[in-house]
Amino acid sequence: HEATDTKTCFTLPYETFTPNGDGYHDELQISYMLPSDGYVATITVFTPTGFPLHTIARQQLLATEGTLTWNGTTNGTPLPRGIYVIVVEAFHPSGTRIREKLTCVLS
C-alpha cells in the first residue's frame, strides 16, 4: 500500500546544479526524511521523455534521514545540460511504498 501521508519524503535543496568543479552546487543533492528506518530505495535519473539514464541508488538501505548525491554523469560520462527527472521508489518491509518524482536542471 502507498504511504498514507502526503508529505514529501525526498527533496532537492537546490534544483539546478553545475558539475564544473567550482565547489558551488557541483553535485545534485537529494535529501530525505523517512517515517521510519528500514526503507530500501532505488533512485533513477530519466530524460523528460522517460528514458532511463543513470541509477543513483539500487536497492539501497536508507537511514531515517540523509542525503544522496549525483555528479551529473553516467558510467563516468558527463550528461548534456538539460532537465532531468529523478524517480525515487522506496519500499518498507511492512509493505509501505513511497514513489516520488523530482525535477532537476543540469546546467
PDB file of N, CA and C in Angstrom:
ATOM      1  N   HIS A   1       0.842  -1.198   0.000  1.00  0.00           N
ATOM      2  CA  HIS A   1       0.000   0.000   0.000  1.00  0.00           C
ATOM      3  C   HIS A   1       0.875   1.245   0.000  1.00  0.00           C
ATOM      4  N   GLU A   2       0.310   2.321  -0.441  1.00  0.00           N
ATOM      5  CA  GLU A   2       1.041   3.581  -0.536  1.00  0.00           C
ATOM      6  C   GLU A   2       1.193   4.208   0.847  1.00  0.00           C
ATOM      7  N   ALA A   3       2.196   5.056   0.985  1.00  0.00           N
ATOM      8  CA  ALA A   3       2.323   5.828   2.219  1.00  0.00           C
ATOM      9  C   ALA A   3       1.089   6.722   2.329  1.00  0.00           C
ATOM     10  N   THR A   4       0.517   6.812   3.514  1.00  0.00           N
ATOM     11  CA  THR A   4      -0.772   7.482   3.647  1.00  0.00           C
ATOM     12  C   THR A   4      -0.646   8.998   3.705  1.00  0.00           C
ATOM     13  N   ASP A   5       0.438   9.506   4.270  1.00  0.00           N
ATOM     14  CA  ASP A   5       0.539  10.966   4.369  1.00  0.00           C
ATOM     15  C   ASP A   5       1.000  11.545   3.037  1.00  0.00           C
ATOM     16  N   THR A   6       0.664  12.806   2.811  1.00  0.00           N
ATOM     17  CA  THR A   6       1.014  13.446   1.543  1.00  0.00           C
ATOM     18  C   THR A   6       2.339  14.190   1.650  1.00  0.00           C
ATOM     19  N   LYS A   7       2.989  14.079   2.800  1.00  0.00           N
ATOM     20  CA  LYS A   7       4.261  14.767   2.996  1.00  0.00           C
ATOM     21  C   LYS A   7       5.309  14.185   2.037  1.00  0.00           C
ATOM     22  N   THR A   8       6.073  15.049   1.431  1.00  0.00           N
ATOM     23  CA  THR A   8       7.138  14.611   0.551  1.00  0.00           C
ATOM     24  C   THR A   8       8.317  14.154   1.402  1.00  0.00           C
ATOM     25  N   CYS A   9       8.827  12.967   1.096  1.00  0.00           N
ATOM     26  CA  CYS A   9       9.950  12.419   1.856  1.00  0.00           C
ATOM     27  C   CYS A   9      11.295  12.788   1.231  1.00  0.00           C
ATOM     28  N   PHE A  10      11.303  12.994  -0.089  1.00  0.00           N
ATOM     29  CA  PHE A  10      12.545  13.286  -0.803  1.00  0.00           C
ATOM     30  C   PHE A  10      12.480  14.691  -1.385  1.00  0.00           C
ATOM     31  N   THR A  11      13.511  15.493  -1.165  1.00  0.00           N
ATOM     32  CA  THR A  11      13.533  16.872  -1.648  1.00  0.00           C
ATOM     33  C   THR A  11      14.903  17.211  -2.209  1.00  0.00           C
ATOM     34  N   LEU A  12      14.930  18.259  -3.023  1.00  0.00           N
ATOM     35  CA  LEU A  12      16.186  18.794  -3.562  1.00  0.00           C
ATOM     36  C   LEU A  12      16.428  20.152  -2.911  1.00  0.00           C
ATOM     37  N   PRO A  13      17.520  20.307  -2.141  1.00  0.00           N
ATOM     38  CA  PRO A  13      17.823  21.615  -1.556  1.00  0.00           C
ATOM     39  C   PRO A  13      17.975  22.697  -2.631  1.00  0.00           C
ATOM     40  N   TYR A  14      18.460  22.308  -3.807  1.00  0.00           N
ATOM     41  CA  TYR A  14      18.521  23.207  -4.968  1.00  0.00           C
ATOM     42  C   TYR A  14      18.295  22.349  -6.206  1.00  0.00           C
ATOM     43  N   GLU A  15      17.556  22.902  -7.191  1.00  0.00           N
ATOM     44  CA  GLU A  15      17.185  22.121  -8.362  1.00  0.00           C
ATOM     45  C   GLU A  15      18.216  22.192  -9.480  1.00  0.00           C
ATOM     46  N   THR A  16      18.997  23.275  -9.529  1.00  0.00           N
ATOM     47  CA  THR A  16      19.980  23.437 -10.598  1.00  0.00           C
ATOM     48  C   THR A  16      21.365  23.153 -10.046  1.00  0.00           C
ATOM     49  N   PHE A  17      22.104  22.292 -10.751  1.00  0.00           N
ATOM     50  CA  PHE A  17      23.475  22.028 -10.335  1.00  0.00           C
ATOM     51  C   PHE A  17      24.401  22.097 -11.536  1.00  0.00           C
ATOM     52  N   THR A  18      25.650  22.453 -11.264  1.00  0.00           N
ATOM     53  CA  THR A  18      26.640  22.686 -12.315  1.00  0.00           C
ATOM     54  C   THR A  18      27.925  21.947 -11.963  1.00  0.00           C
ATOM     55  N   PRO A  19      28.095  20.714 -12.468  1.00  0.00           N
ATOM     56  CA  PRO A  19      29.290  19.938 -12.130  1.00  0.00           C
ATOM     57  C   PRO A  19      30.531  20.433 -12.880  1.00  0.00           C
ATOM     58  N   ASN A  20      30.938  21.662 -12.561  1.00  0.00           N
ATOM     59  CA  ASN A  20      32.079  22.267 -13.255  1.00  0.00           C
ATOM     60  C   ASN A  20      33.308  22.395 -12.354  1.00  0.00           C
ATOM     61  N   GLY A  21      33.236  21.857 -11.131  1.00  0.00           N
ATOM     62  CA  GLY A  21      34.404  21.839 -10.269  1.00  0.00           C
ATOM     63  C   GLY A  21      34.674  23.129  -9.524  1.00  0.00           C
ATOM     64  N   ASP A  22      33.720  24.076  -9.531  1.00  0.00           N
ATOM     65  CA  ASP A  22      33.970  25.357  -8.846  1.00  0.00           C
ATOM     66  C   ASP A  22      33.609  25.300  -7.360  1.00  0.00           C
ATOM     67  N   GLY A  23      33.119  24.148  -6.897  1.00  0.00           N
ATOM     68  CA  GLY A  23      32.796  23.999  -5.485  1.00  0.00           C
ATOM     69  C   GLY A  23      31.405  24.491  -5.108  1.00  0.00           C
ATOM     70  N   TYR A  24      30.641  25.004  -6.062  1.00  0.00           N
ATOM     71  CA  TYR A  24      29.304  25.517  -5.789  1.00  0.00           C
ATOM     72  C   TYR A  24      28.279  24.672  -6.546  1.00  0.00           C
ATOM     73  N   HIS A  25      27.475  23.900  -5.826  1.00  0.00           N
ATOM     74  CA  HIS A  25      26.431  23.052  -6.427  1.00  0.00           C
ATOM     75  C   HIS A  25      26.995  22.148  -7.526  1.00  0.00           C
ATOM     76  N   ASP A  26      28.178  21.566  -7.257  1.00  0.00           N
ATOM     77  CA  ASP A  26      28.784  20.656  -8.235  1.00  0.00           C
ATOM     78  C   ASP A  26      28.045  19.328  -8.334  1.00  0.00           C
ATOM     79  N   GLU A  27      27.329  18.951  -7.269  1.00  0.00           N
ATOM     80  CA  GLU A  27      26.563  17.719  -7.272  1.00  0.00           C
ATOM     81  C   GLU A  27      25.105  18.018  -6.918  1.00  0.00           C
ATOM     82  N   LEU A  28      24.221  17.210  -7.483  1.00  0.00           N
ATOM     83  CA  LEU A  28      22.820  17.294  -7.090  1.00  0.00           C
ATOM     84  C   LEU A  28      22.678  16.585  -5.754  1.00  0.00           C
ATOM     85  N   GLN A  29      22.039  17.233  -4.805  1.00  0.00           N
ATOM     86  CA  GLN A  29      21.778  16.620  -3.515  1.00  0.00           C
ATOM     87  C   GLN A  29      20.313  16.222  -3.433  1.00  0.00           C
ATOM     88  N   ILE A  30      20.088  14.998  -2.984  1.00  0.00           N
ATOM     89  CA  ILE A  30      18.734  14.505  -2.763  1.00  0.00           C
ATOM     90  C   ILE A  30      18.629  14.223  -1.269  1.00  0.00           C
ATOM     91  N   SER A  31      17.922  15.088  -0.571  1.00  0.00           N
ATOM     92  CA  SER A  31      17.752  14.920   0.873  1.00  0.00           C
ATOM     93  C   SER A  31      16.496  14.107   1.135  1.00  0.00           C
ATOM     94  N   TYR A  32      16.539  13.320   2.196  1.00  0.00           N
ATOM     95  CA  TYR A  32      15.346  12.543   2.527  1.00  0.00           C
ATOM     96  C   TYR A  32      15.132  12.478   4.026  1.00  0.00           C
ATOM     97  N   MET A  33      13.846  12.367   4.381  1.00  0.00           N
ATOM     98  CA  MET A  33      13.432  12.164   5.755  1.00  0.00           C
ATOM     99  C   MET A  33      12.268  11.172   5.703  1.00  0.00           C
ATOM    100  N   LEU A  34      12.507   9.961   6.170  1.00  0.00           N
ATOM    101  CA  LEU A  34      11.537   8.885   6.063  1.00  0.00           C
ATOM    102  C   LEU A  34      10.796   8.678   7.377  1.00  0.00           C
ATOM    103  N   PRO A  35       9.572   8.130   7.315  1.00  0.00           N
ATOM    104  CA  PRO A  35       8.778   7.940   8.532  1.00  0.00           C
ATOM    105  C   PRO A  35       9.406   6.939   9.499  1.00  0.00           C
ATOM    106  N   SER A  36      10.235   6.007   8.986  1.00  0.00           N
ATOM    107  CA  SER A  36      10.899   5.035   9.851  1.00  0.00           C
ATOM    108  C   SER A  36      12.118   4.481   9.125  1.00  0.00           C
ATOM    109  N   ASP A  37      12.956   3.763   9.847  1.00  0.00           N
ATOM    110  CA  ASP A  37      14.106   3.157   9.178  1.00  0.00           C
ATOM    111  C   ASP A  37      13.666   1.853   8.514  1.00  0.00           C
ATOM    112  N   GLY A  38      14.523   1.285   7.698  1.00  0.00           N
ATOM    113  CA  GLY A  38      14.219   0.032   7.031  1.00  0.00           C
ATOM    114  C   GLY A  38      13.791   0.159   5.582  1.00  0.00           C
ATOM    115  N   TYR A  39      13.668   1.385   5.064  1.00  0.00           N
ATOM    116  CA  TYR A  39      13.289   1.557   3.660  1.00  0.00           C
ATOM    117  C   TYR A  39      14.465   1.216   2.745  1.00  0.00           C
ATOM    118  N   VAL A  40      14.157   0.554   1.629  1.00  0.00           N
ATOM    119  CA  VAL A  40      15.128   0.240   0.598  1.00  0.00           C
ATOM    120  C   VAL A  40      14.714   1.036  -0.639  1.00  0.00           C
ATOM    121  N   ALA A  41      15.664   1.794  -1.203  1.00  0.00           N
ATOM    122  CA  ALA A  41      15.309   2.710  -2.292  1.00  0.00           C
ATOM    123  C   ALA A  41      16.082   2.417  -3.569  1.00  0.00           C
ATOM    124  N   THR A  42      15.390   2.645  -4.680  1.00  0.00           N
ATOM    125  CA  THR A  42      16.020   2.694  -5.990  1.00  0.00           C
ATOM    126  C   THR A  42      15.729   4.081  -6.545  1.00  0.00           C
ATOM    127  N   ILE A  43      16.796   4.779  -6.938  1.00  0.00           N
ATOM    128  CA  ILE A  43      16.663   6.147  -7.437  1.00  0.00           C
ATOM    129  C   ILE A  43      17.280   6.199  -8.827  1.00  0.00           C
ATOM    130  N   THR A  44      16.459   6.568  -9.811  1.00  0.00           N
ATOM    131  CA  THR A  44      16.878   6.533 -11.201  1.00  0.00           C
ATOM    132  C   THR A  44      16.718   7.902 -11.846  1.00  0.00           C
ATOM    133  N   VAL A  45      17.672   8.268 -12.708  1.00  0.00           N
ATOM    134  CA  VAL A  45      17.631   9.518 -13.472  1.00  0.00           C
ATOM    135  C   VAL A  45      17.054   9.210 -14.856  1.00  0.00           C
ATOM    136  N   PHE A  46      16.038   9.994 -15.252  1.00  0.00           N
ATOM    137  CA  PHE A  46      15.388   9.826 -16.556  1.00  0.00           C
ATOM    138  C   PHE A  46      15.479  11.119 -17.360  1.00  0.00           C
ATOM    139  N   THR A  47      15.371  10.988 -18.679  1.00  0.00           N
ATOM    140  CA  THR A  47      15.161  12.157 -19.531  1.00  0.00           C
ATOM    141  C   THR A  47      13.717  12.592 -19.330  1.00  0.00           C
ATOM    142  N   PRO A  48      13.358  13.827 -19.747  1.00  0.00           N
ATOM    143  CA  PRO A  48      11.959  14.264 -19.630  1.00  0.00           C
ATOM    144  C   PRO A  48      10.986  13.360 -20.402  1.00  0.00           C
ATOM    145  N   THR A  49      11.475  12.631 -21.403  1.00  0.00           N
ATOM    146  CA  THR A  49      10.609  11.748 -22.183  1.00  0.00           C
ATOM    147  C   THR A  49      10.534  10.343 -21.590  1.00  0.00           C
ATOM    148  N   GLY A  50      11.222  10.104 -20.462  1.00  0.00           N
ATOM    149  CA  GLY A  50      11.083   8.836 -19.767  1.00  0.00           C
ATOM    150  C   GLY A  50      12.140   7.790 -20.054  1.00  0.00           C
ATOM    151  N   PHE A  51      13.241   8.180 -20.683  1.00  0.00           N
ATOM    152  CA  PHE A  51      14.319   7.228 -20.966  1.00  0.00           C
ATOM    153  C   PHE A  51      15.260   7.159 -19.765  1.00  0.00           C
ATOM    154  N   PRO A  52      15.489   5.974 -19.180  1.00  0.00           N
ATOM    155  CA  PRO A  52      16.382   5.879 -18.024  1.00  0.00           C
ATOM    156  C   PRO A  52      17.846   6.062 -18.421  1.00  0.00           C
ATOM    157  N   LEU A  53      18.561   6.918 -17.670  1.00  0.00           N
ATOM    158  CA  LEU A  53      19.956   7.228 -18.000  1.00  0.00           C
ATOM    159  C   LEU A  53      20.949   6.729 -16.963  1.00  0.00           C
ATOM    160  N   HIS A  54      20.572   6.787 -15.699  1.00  0.00           N
ATOM    161  CA  HIS A  54      21.542   6.502 -14.645  1.00  0.00           C
ATOM    162  C   HIS A  54      20.812   6.076 -13.378  1.00  0.00           C
ATOM    163  N   THR A  55      21.417   5.153 -12.642  1.00  0.00           N
ATOM    164  CA  THR A  55      20.860   4.746 -11.356  1.00  0.00           C
ATOM    165  C   THR A  55      21.733   5.318 -10.250  1.00  0.00           C
ATOM    166  N   ILE A  56      21.147   6.188  -9.421  1.00  0.00           N
ATOM    167  CA  ILE A  56      21.872   6.798  -8.299  1.00  0.00           C
ATOM    168  C   ILE A  56      21.982   5.794  -7.154  1.00  0.00           C
ATOM    169  N   ALA A  57      20.913   5.064  -6.899  1.00  0.00           N
ATOM    170  CA  ALA A  57      20.907   4.044  -5.846  1.00  0.00           C
ATOM    171  C   ALA A  57      20.076   2.861  -6.330  1.00  0.00           C
ATOM    172  N   ARG A  58      20.591   1.655  -6.101  1.00  0.00           N
ATOM    173  CA  ARG A  58      19.862   0.448  -6.499  1.00  0.00           C
ATOM    174  C   ARG A  58      19.671  -0.427  -5.266  1.00  0.00           C
ATOM    175  N   GLN A  59      18.419  -0.519  -4.809  1.00  0.00           N
ATOM    176  CA  GLN A  59      18.079  -1.339  -3.644  1.00  0.00           C
ATOM    177  C   GLN A  59      18.975  -0.992  -2.446  1.00  0.00           C
ATOM    178  N   GLN A  60      19.136   0.306  -2.229  1.00  0.00           N
ATOM    179  CA  GLN A  60      19.991   0.795  -1.148  1.00  0.00           C
ATOM    180  C   GLN A  60      19.182   0.981   0.135  1.00  0.00           C
ATOM    181  N   LEU A  61      19.670   0.397   1.217  1.00  0.00           N
ATOM    182  CA  LEU A  61      19.025   0.564   2.513  1.00  0.00           C
ATOM    183  C   LEU A  61      19.311   1.973   3.009  1.00  0.00           C
ATOM    184  N   LEU A  62      18.256   2.714   3.338  1.00  0.00           N
ATOM    185  CA  LEU A  62      18.410   4.108   3.751  1.00  0.00           C
ATOM    186  C   LEU A  62      18.225   4.249   5.257  1.00  0.00           C
ATOM    187  N   ALA A  63      18.917   5.223   5.821  1.00  0.00           N
ATOM    188  CA  ALA A  63      18.688   5.610   7.207  1.00  0.00           C
ATOM    189  C   ALA A  63      17.368   6.377   7.263  1.00  0.00           C
ATOM    190  N   THR A  64      16.959   6.797   8.431  1.00  0.00           N
ATOM    191  CA  THR A  64      15.709   7.549   8.548  1.00  0.00           C
ATOM    192  C   THR A  64      15.817   8.890   7.835  1.00  0.00           C
ATOM    193  N   GLU A  65      17.002   9.507   7.895  1.00  0.00           N
ATOM    194  CA  GLU A  65      17.219  10.737   7.130  1.00  0.00           C
ATOM    195  C   GLU A  65      18.653  10.799   6.651  1.00  0.00           C
ATOM    196  N   GLY A  66      18.860  11.541   5.562  1.00  0.00           N
ATOM    197  CA  GLY A  66      20.199  11.662   4.999  1.00  0.00           C
ATOM    198  C   GLY A  66      20.157  12.352   3.653  1.00  0.00           C
ATOM    199  N   THR A  67      21.279  12.259   2.950  1.00  0.00           N
ATOM    200  CA  THR A  67      21.409  12.892   1.644  1.00  0.00           C
ATOM    201  C   THR A  67      22.170  11.963   0.703  1.00  0.00           C
ATOM    202  N   LEU A  68      21.662  11.849  -0.509  1.00  0.00           N
ATOM    203  CA  LEU A  68      22.364  11.134  -1.577  1.00  0.00           C
ATOM    204  C   LEU A  68      22.787  12.176  -2.608  1.00  0.00           C
ATOM    205  N   THR A  69      23.855  11.894  -3.343  1.00  0.00           N
ATOM    206  CA  THR A  69      24.331  12.863  -4.332  1.00  0.00           C
ATOM    207  C   THR A  69      24.505  12.204  -5.702  1.00  0.00           C
ATOM    208  N   TRP A  70      24.455  13.046  -6.723  1.00  0.00           N
ATOM    209  CA  TRP A  70      24.713  12.618  -8.099  1.00  0.00           C
ATOM    210  C   TRP A  70      25.559  13.700  -8.762  1.00  0.00           C
ATOM    211  N   ASN A  71      26.598  13.268  -9.469  1.00  0.00           N
ATOM    212  CA  ASN A  71      27.537  14.223 -10.063  1.00  0.00           C
ATOM    213  C   ASN A  71      27.239  14.564 -11.519  1.00  0.00           C
ATOM    214  N   GLY A  72      26.082  14.145 -12.031  1.00  0.00           N
ATOM    215  CA  GLY A  72      25.706  14.511 -13.403  1.00  0.00           C
ATOM    216  C   GLY A  72      26.312  13.629 -14.475  1.00  0.00           C
ATOM    217  N   THR A  73      26.871  12.482 -14.078  1.00  0.00           N
ATOM    218  CA  THR A  73      27.456  11.576 -15.060  1.00  0.00           C
ATOM    219  C   THR A  73      26.723  10.249 -15.051  1.00  0.00           C
ATOM    220  N   THR A  74      26.944   9.475 -16.104  1.00  0.00           N
ATOM    221  CA  THR A  74      26.528   8.086 -16.132  1.00  0.00           C
ATOM    222  C   THR A  74      27.701   7.276 -16.648  1.00  0.00           C
ATOM    223  N   ASN A  75      28.108   6.275 -15.904  1.00  0.00           N
ATOM    224  CA  ASN A  75      29.303   5.474 -16.218  1.00  0.00           C
ATOM    225  C   ASN A  75      30.519   6.358 -16.450  1.00  0.00           C
ATOM    226  N   GLY A  76      30.640   7.454 -15.685  1.00  0.00           N
ATOM    227  CA  GLY A  76      31.784   8.344 -15.785  1.00  0.00           C
ATOM    228  C   GLY A  76      31.700   9.359 -16.914  1.00  0.00           C
ATOM    229  N   THR A  77      30.653   9.292 -17.728  1.00  0.00           N
ATOM    230  CA  THR A  77      30.495  10.223 -18.849  1.00  0.00           C
ATOM    231  C   THR A  77      29.527  11.330 -18.455  1.00  0.00           C
ATOM    232  N   PRO A  78      29.953  12.607 -18.574  1.00  0.00           N
ATOM    233  CA  PRO A  78      29.033  13.706 -18.234  1.00  0.00           C
ATOM    234  C   PRO A  78      27.826  13.718 -19.166  1.00  0.00           C
ATOM    235  N   LEU A  79      26.658  13.925 -18.582  1.00  0.00           N
ATOM    236  CA  LEU A  79      25.439  14.053 -19.384  1.00  0.00           C
ATOM    237  C   LEU A  79      25.310  15.485 -19.894  1.00  0.00           C
ATOM    238  N   PRO A  80      24.607  15.687 -21.023  1.00  0.00           N
ATOM    239  CA  PRO A  80      24.449  17.044 -21.537  1.00  0.00           C
ATOM    240  C   PRO A  80      23.587  17.903 -20.618  1.00  0.00           C
ATOM    241  N   ARG A  81      23.749  19.226 -20.753  1.00  0.00           N
ATOM    242  CA  ARG A  81      22.915  20.154 -19.998  1.00  0.00           C
ATOM    243  C   ARG A  81      21.464  19.900 -20.334  1.00  0.00           C
ATOM    244  N   GLY A  82      20.602  20.123 -19.345  1.00  0.00           N
ATOM    245  CA  GLY A  82      19.183  19.943 -19.616  1.00  0.00           C
ATOM    246  C   GLY A  82      18.419  19.599 -18.360  1.00  0.00           C
ATOM    247  N   ILE A  83      17.162  19.257 -18.570  1.00  0.00           N
ATOM    248  CA  ILE A  83      16.258  18.913 -17.475  1.00  0.00           C
ATOM    249  C   ILE A  83      16.238  17.398 -17.347  1.00  0.00           C
ATOM    250  N   TYR A  84      16.312  16.929 -16.108  1.00  0.00           N
ATOM    251  CA  TYR A  84      16.262  15.501 -15.833  1.00  0.00           C
ATOM    252  C   TYR A  84      15.223  15.239 -14.747  1.00  0.00           C
ATOM    253  N   VAL A  85      14.633  14.057 -14.799  1.00  0.00           N
ATOM    254  CA  VAL A  85      13.629  13.662 -13.817  1.00  0.00           C
ATOM    255  C   VAL A  85      14.239  12.563 -12.945  1.00  0.00           C
ATOM    256  N   ILE A  86      14.168  12.761 -11.640  1.00  0.00           N
ATOM    257  CA  ILE A  86      14.665  11.780 -10.682  1.00  0.00           C
ATOM    258  C   ILE A  86      13.450  11.033 -10.132  1.00  0.00           C
ATOM    259  N   VAL A  87      13.418   9.723 -10.307  1.00  0.00           N
ATOM    260  CA  VAL A  87      12.317   8.911  -9.786  1.00  0.00           C
ATOM    261  C   VAL A  87      12.830   8.102  -8.607  1.00  0.00           C
ATOM    262  N   VAL A  88      12.158   8.271  -7.477  1.00  0.00           N
ATOM    263  CA  VAL A  88      12.522   7.571  -6.250  1.00  0.00           C
ATOM    264  C   VAL A  88      11.439   6.546  -5.955  1.00  0.00           C
ATOM    265  N   GLU A  89      11.850   5.308  -5.775  1.00  0.00           N
ATOM    266  CA  GLU A  89      10.938   4.253  -5.339  1.00  0.00           C
ATOM    267  C   GLU A  89      11.533   3.643  -4.083  1.00  0.00           C
ATOM    268  N   ALA A  90      10.824   3.767  -2.976  1.00  0.00           N
ATOM    269  CA  ALA A  90      11.300   3.235  -1.701  1.00  0.00           C
ATOM    270  C   ALA A  90      10.252   2.278  -1.143  1.00  0.00           C
ATOM    271  N   PHE A  91      10.729   1.156  -0.663  1.00  0.00           N
ATOM    272  CA  PHE A  91       9.840   0.124  -0.130  1.00  0.00           C
ATOM    273  C   PHE A  91      10.242  -0.205   1.294  1.00  0.00           C
ATOM    274  N   HIS A  92       9.246  -0.475   2.124  1.00  0.00           N
ATOM    275  CA  HIS A  92       9.491  -0.862   3.517  1.00  0.00           C
ATOM    276  C   HIS A  92       9.010  -2.305   3.692  1.00  0.00           C
ATOM    277  N   PRO A  93       9.694  -3.102   4.536  1.00  0.00           N
ATOM    278  CA  PRO A  93       9.256  -4.489   4.749  1.00  0.00           C
ATOM    279  C   PRO A  93       7.795  -4.617   5.191  1.00  0.00           C
ATOM    280  N   SER A  94       7.239  -3.570   5.799  1.00  0.00           N
ATOM    281  CA  SER A  94       5.829  -3.603   6.235  1.00  0.00           C
ATOM    282  C   SER A  94       4.865  -3.551   5.059  1.00  0.00           C
ATOM    283  N   GLY A  95       5.380  -3.230   3.865  1.00  0.00           N
ATOM    284  CA  GLY A  95       4.529  -3.127   2.683  1.00  0.00           C
ATOM    285  C   GLY A  95       4.300  -1.694   2.239  1.00  0.00           C
ATOM    286  N   THR A  96       4.733  -0.727   3.035  1.00  0.00           N
ATOM    287  CA  THR A  96       4.567   0.678   2.650  1.00  0.00           C
ATOM    288  C   THR A  96       5.491   0.999   1.475  1.00  0.00           C
ATOM    289  N   ARG A  97       4.964   1.773   0.522  1.00  0.00           N
ATOM    290  CA  ARG A  97       5.721   2.129  -0.673  1.00  0.00           C
ATOM    291  C   ARG A  97       5.685   3.642  -0.840  1.00  0.00           C
ATOM    292  N   ILE A  98       6.822   4.214  -1.181  1.00  0.00           N
ATOM    293  CA  ILE A  98       6.898   5.648  -1.482  1.00  0.00           C
ATOM    294  C   ILE A  98       7.409   5.769  -2.913  1.00  0.00           C
ATOM    295  N   ARG A  99       6.708   6.567  -3.720  1.00  0.00           N
ATOM    296  CA  ARG A  99       7.170   6.839  -5.094  1.00  0.00           C
ATOM    297  C   ARG A  99       7.066   8.333  -5.310  1.00  0.00           C
ATOM    298  N   GLU A 100       8.188   8.958  -5.611  1.00  0.00           N
ATOM    299  CA  GLU A 100       8.199  10.408  -5.826  1.00  0.00           C
ATOM    300  C   GLU A 100       9.020  10.741  -7.069  1.00  0.00           C
ATOM    301  N   LYS A 101       8.638  11.843  -7.718  1.00  0.00           N
ATOM    302  CA  LYS A 101       9.379  12.350  -8.866  1.00  0.00           C
ATOM    303  C   LYS A 101       9.900  13.739  -8.523  1.00  0.00           C
ATOM    304  N   LEU A 102      11.173  13.968  -8.826  1.00  0.00           N
ATOM    305  CA  LEU A 102      11.806  15.260  -8.616  1.00  0.00           C
ATOM    306  C   LEU A 102      12.368  15.712  -9.958  1.00  0.00           C
ATOM    307  N   THR A 103      12.391  17.015 -10.181  1.00  0.00           N
ATOM    308  CA  THR A 103      12.949  17.540 -11.423  1.00  0.00           C
ATOM    309  C   THR A 103      14.180  18.369 -11.108  1.00  0.00           C
ATOM    310  N   CYS A 104      15.238  18.162 -11.884  1.00  0.00           N
ATOM    311  CA  CYS A 104      16.459  18.948 -11.685  1.00  0.00           C
ATOM    312  C   CYS A 104      16.948  19.474 -13.022  1.00  0.00           C
ATOM    313  N   VAL A 105      17.841  20.459 -12.946  1.00  0.00           N
ATOM    314  CA  VAL A 105      18.444  21.051 -14.143  1.00  0.00           C
ATOM    315  C   VAL A 105      19.953  20.901 -14.036  1.00  0.00           C
ATOM    316  N   LEU A 106      20.514  20.210 -15.018  1.00  0.00           N
ATOM    317  CA  LEU A 106      21.969  20.102 -15.141  1.00  0.00           C
ATOM    318  C   LEU A 106      22.404  21.251 -16.018  1.00  0.00           C
ATOM    319  N   SER A 107      23.192  22.155 -15.461  1.00  0.00           N
ATOM    320  CA  SER A 107      23.489  23.406 -16.164  1.00  0.00           C
ATOM    321  C   SER A 107      24.986  23.555 -16.393  1.00  0.00           C
TER     322      SER A 107
END
